[in-house]
Amino acid sequence: MLTTFLAAAEEGAEHGGPHPYVVGAIALGILLVLLLALLAFGKGREHS
C-alpha cells in the first residue's frame, strides 16, 4: 500500500500542481481573516 501511495505521489509531482507560494498565500490570507474575525468578536465582549 505504501508503494502505491509513493508511486501516486511521484506521478502527481511530475504534473506540477499549484505553486507552493500560492498555497501559502491562500493559507496566510485565510488565517489573517480568521484572526481579524476573532479580534472583532473579542472587542464586543466584556471580560469575565
Protein backbone atom coordinates (compact mmCIF):
# COMPACT_ATOMS: atom_id res chain seq x y z
CA MET A 1 0.00 0.00 0.00
CA LEU A 2 2.85 2.39 0.82
CA THR A 3 4.46 1.66 -2.54
CA THR A 4 1.23 2.54 -4.34
CA PHE A 5 0.98 5.80 -2.40
CA LEU A 6 4.59 6.74 -3.19
CA ALA A 7 4.10 5.95 -6.87
CA ALA A 8 0.99 8.14 -6.97
CA ALA A 9 2.84 10.93 -5.18
CA GLU A 10 5.67 10.81 -7.72
CA GLU A 11 3.21 10.94 -10.61
CA GLY A 12 1.46 13.94 -9.07
CA ALA A 13 4.76 15.75 -8.62
CA GLU A 14 5.52 15.45 -12.34
CA HIS A 15 2.31 17.22 -13.36
CA GLY A 16 3.12 20.31 -11.36
CA GLY A 17 0.08 21.45 -9.45
CA PRO A 18 -0.39 24.74 -7.68
CA HIS A 19 2.73 26.71 -6.87
CA PRO A 20 3.75 26.40 -3.19
CA TYR A 21 3.79 30.19 -2.77
CA VAL A 22 0.20 30.38 -4.00
CA VAL A 23 -0.90 27.75 -1.49
CA GLY A 24 0.98 29.56 1.27
CA ALA A 25 -0.54 32.91 0.34
CA ILE A 26 -4.05 31.46 0.38
CA ALA A 27 -3.43 29.81 3.76
CA LEU A 28 -1.98 33.05 5.16
CA GLY A 29 -4.97 35.02 3.88
CA ILE A 30 -7.44 32.63 5.48
CA LEU A 31 -5.58 32.73 8.80
CA LEU A 32 -5.43 36.54 8.78
CA VAL A 33 -9.17 36.78 8.10
CA LEU A 34 -9.85 34.37 10.96
CA LEU A 35 -7.55 36.39 13.24
CA LEU A 36 -9.35 39.63 12.39
CA ALA A 37 -12.72 37.97 12.98
CA LEU A 38 -11.51 36.72 16.37
CA LEU A 39 -10.28 40.18 17.36
CA ALA A 40 -13.52 41.82 16.22
CA PHE A 41 -15.58 39.29 18.17
CA GLY A 42 -13.45 39.74 21.28
CA LYS A 43 -13.84 43.52 21.36
CA GLY A 44 -17.61 43.27 21.74
CA ARG A 45 -17.49 41.08 24.86
CA GLU A 46 -16.97 42.03 28.45
CA HIS A 47 -14.13 40.46 30.36
CA SER A 48 -15.19 37.93 32.96
